[in-house]
Amino acid sequence: MYYVVDTEKSFEQASTDLEIEVKNLGYGVLHIHDLGKTLRSKGVSFEEDCRVFEVCNPEQAAKVLSIDMRLNMALPCRISVFTERGSTKIGLIKPAQMLSALSNDPALIEIANDVEDKTIQMIDNSK
């Protein structure tokens, strides 16, 4: 269900490299949520760093939504760069497995497999 890799890179460098790879593979970064910073700004004691990148390929998203508009709730894809006990990690919830829990439409599964391949490639190229 999860795809998570360790990287020797710093949190900042892994974040920068992921953003570059998302764009290199034809996707866009819609937003970056800096969860660690947000939690600390709210007075929560939180030691780790975590950035969630909302990434999207407009053509793939349009295909998904034209088949089942309810799946807007599962979009965009999210890839996270985070620290855990001193280690930097990059990961995602696999789109094909997530989508198969929501739909058994073969066309959607095919799209999700394509997106999963690309998002895993983004992670692998960033580590």
Protein backbone atom coordinates (compact mmCIF):
# COMPACT_ATOMS: atom_id res chain seq x y z
CA MET A 1 0.00 0.00 0.00
CA TYR A 2 2.89 2.35 0.77
CA TYR A 3 6.02 3.02 -1.24
CA VAL A 4 8.68 4.63 0.97
CA VAL A 5 12.41 4.91 0.33
CA ASP A 6 15.26 6.13 2.50
CA THR A 7 17.60 8.75 1.15
CA GLU A 8 21.00 9.96 2.28
CA LYS A 9 19.97 13.47 1.23
CA SER A 10 18.96 16.15 3.67
CA PHE A 11 15.27 16.93 4.04
CA GLU A 12 15.76 20.19 2.14
CA GLN A 13 17.73 18.61 -0.71
CA ALA A 14 15.27 15.73 -1.09
CA SER A 15 12.40 18.24 -1.21
CA THR A 16 14.15 20.31 -3.89
CA ASP A 17 15.05 17.25 -5.96
CA LEU A 18 11.51 15.83 -5.76
CA GLU A 19 10.02 19.08 -7.03
CA ILE A 20 12.41 19.01 -9.98
CA GLU A 21 11.60 15.37 -10.80
CA VAL A 22 7.84 15.97 -10.65
CA LYS A 23 8.22 18.61 -13.35
CA ASN A 24 10.72 16.53 -15.36
CA LEU A 25 8.16 13.73 -15.66
CA GLY A 26 5.36 15.96 -16.95
CA TYR A 27 3.46 16.57 -13.75
CA GLY A 28 2.90 19.78 -11.88
CA VAL A 29 3.20 20.66 -8.21
CA LEU A 30 -0.12 22.17 -7.20
CA HIS A 31 0.81 22.89 -3.61
CA ILE A 32 3.33 21.96 -0.93
CA HIS A 33 2.02 21.53 2.60
CA ASP A 34 4.78 21.97 5.18
CA LEU A 35 3.12 19.98 7.95
CA GLY A 36 6.01 20.19 10.39
CA LYS A 37 6.18 23.96 10.11
CA THR A 38 2.39 24.31 10.33
CA LEU A 39 2.16 22.17 13.47
CA ARG A 40 4.98 24.07 15.16
CA SER A 41 3.37 27.41 14.23
CA LYS A 42 0.25 26.26 16.08
CA GLY A 43 2.25 25.66 19.24
CA VAL A 44 2.43 21.88 18.84
CA SER A 45 5.68 20.27 19.89
CA PHE A 46 6.63 18.33 16.76
CA GLU A 47 10.24 17.32 16.11
CA GLU A 48 10.05 15.86 12.59
CA ASP A 49 9.92 17.60 9.22
CA CYS A 50 7.24 16.73 6.68
CA ARG A 51 6.32 18.25 3.34
CA VAL A 52 3.42 16.88 1.35
CA PHE A 53 3.60 17.63 -2.37
CA GLU A 54 0.29 17.65 -4.20
CA VAL A 55 1.17 16.55 -7.73
CA CYS A 56 -1.02 16.21 -10.79
CA ASN A 57 -0.96 15.40 -14.46
CA PRO A 58 -3.95 17.30 -15.90
CA GLU A 59 -4.62 14.78 -18.67
CA GLN A 60 -4.68 11.83 -16.29
CA ALA A 61 -6.83 13.71 -13.77
CA ALA A 62 -9.34 14.62 -16.48
CA LYS A 63 -9.57 10.99 -17.58
CA VAL A 64 -10.24 9.83 -14.02
CA LEU A 65 -12.87 12.51 -13.41
CA SER A 66 -14.63 11.83 -16.71
CA ILE A 67 -15.12 8.23 -15.60
CA ASP A 68 -16.09 8.88 -11.97
CA MET A 69 -16.41 12.44 -10.70
CA ARG A 70 -16.48 11.22 -7.07
CA LEU A 71 -12.80 10.42 -7.36
CA ASN A 72 -12.05 14.14 -7.10
CA MET A 73 -11.81 13.34 -3.40
CA ALA A 74 -8.76 11.14 -4.09
CA LEU A 75 -6.98 13.72 -6.24
CA PRO A 76 -4.36 15.09 -6.53
CA CYS A 77 -1.67 12.50 -5.80
CA ARG A 78 0.48 13.17 -2.78
CA ILE A 79 4.15 12.48 -2.34
CA SER A 80 5.78 13.19 1.00
CA VAL A 81 9.30 14.03 2.04
CA PHE A 82 9.70 13.50 5.76
CA THR A 83 12.12 12.76 8.54
CA GLU A 84 11.77 9.92 10.97
CA ARG A 85 14.23 9.42 13.80
CA GLY A 86 17.01 11.25 11.97
CA SER A 87 16.43 9.63 8.59
CA THR A 88 15.00 11.35 5.51
CA LYS A 89 12.37 9.43 3.57
CA ILE A 90 10.27 9.97 0.44
CA GLY A 91 7.01 8.12 -0.02
CA LEU A 92 3.45 7.83 -1.20
CA ILE A 93 0.34 5.73 -0.91
CA LYS A 94 0.29 3.67 -4.10
CA PRO A 95 -2.37 5.14 -6.41
CA ALA A 96 -3.38 1.81 -7.96
CA GLN A 97 -4.04 0.17 -4.61
CA MET A 98 -5.87 3.20 -3.28
CA LEU A 99 -8.03 3.48 -6.39
CA SER A 100 -8.80 -0.24 -6.44
CA ALA A 101 -10.34 0.21 -2.99
CA LEU A 102 -12.62 2.89 -4.45
CA SER A 103 -13.44 1.42 -7.87
CA ASN A 104 -13.05 -1.74 -9.91
CA ASP A 105 -13.38 -0.02 -13.29
CA PRO A 106 -10.62 -1.43 -15.55
CA ALA A 107 -10.04 1.93 -17.26
CA LEU A 108 -9.45 3.61 -13.90
CA ILE A 109 -7.10 0.87 -12.77
CA GLU A 110 -5.08 1.30 -15.97
CA ILE A 111 -4.78 5.06 -15.39
CA ALA A 112 -3.84 4.51 -11.76
CA ASN A 113 -1.13 2.03 -12.76
CA ASP A 114 0.34 4.58 -15.18
CA VAL A 115 0.28 7.30 -12.52
CA GLU A 116 1.78 4.93 -9.97
CA ASP A 117 4.66 4.08 -12.30
CA LYS A 118 5.41 7.78 -12.84
CA THR A 119 5.15 8.80 -9.19
CA ILE A 120 7.40 5.93 -8.10
CA GLN A 121 9.87 7.00 -10.78
CA MET A 122 9.76 10.53 -9.32
CA ILE A 123 10.65 9.17 -5.92
CA ASP A 124 13.37 6.87 -7.20
CA ASN A 125 14.94 9.69 -9.24
CA SER A 126 14.89 11.94 -6.15
CA LYS A 127 16.48 9.63 -3.59
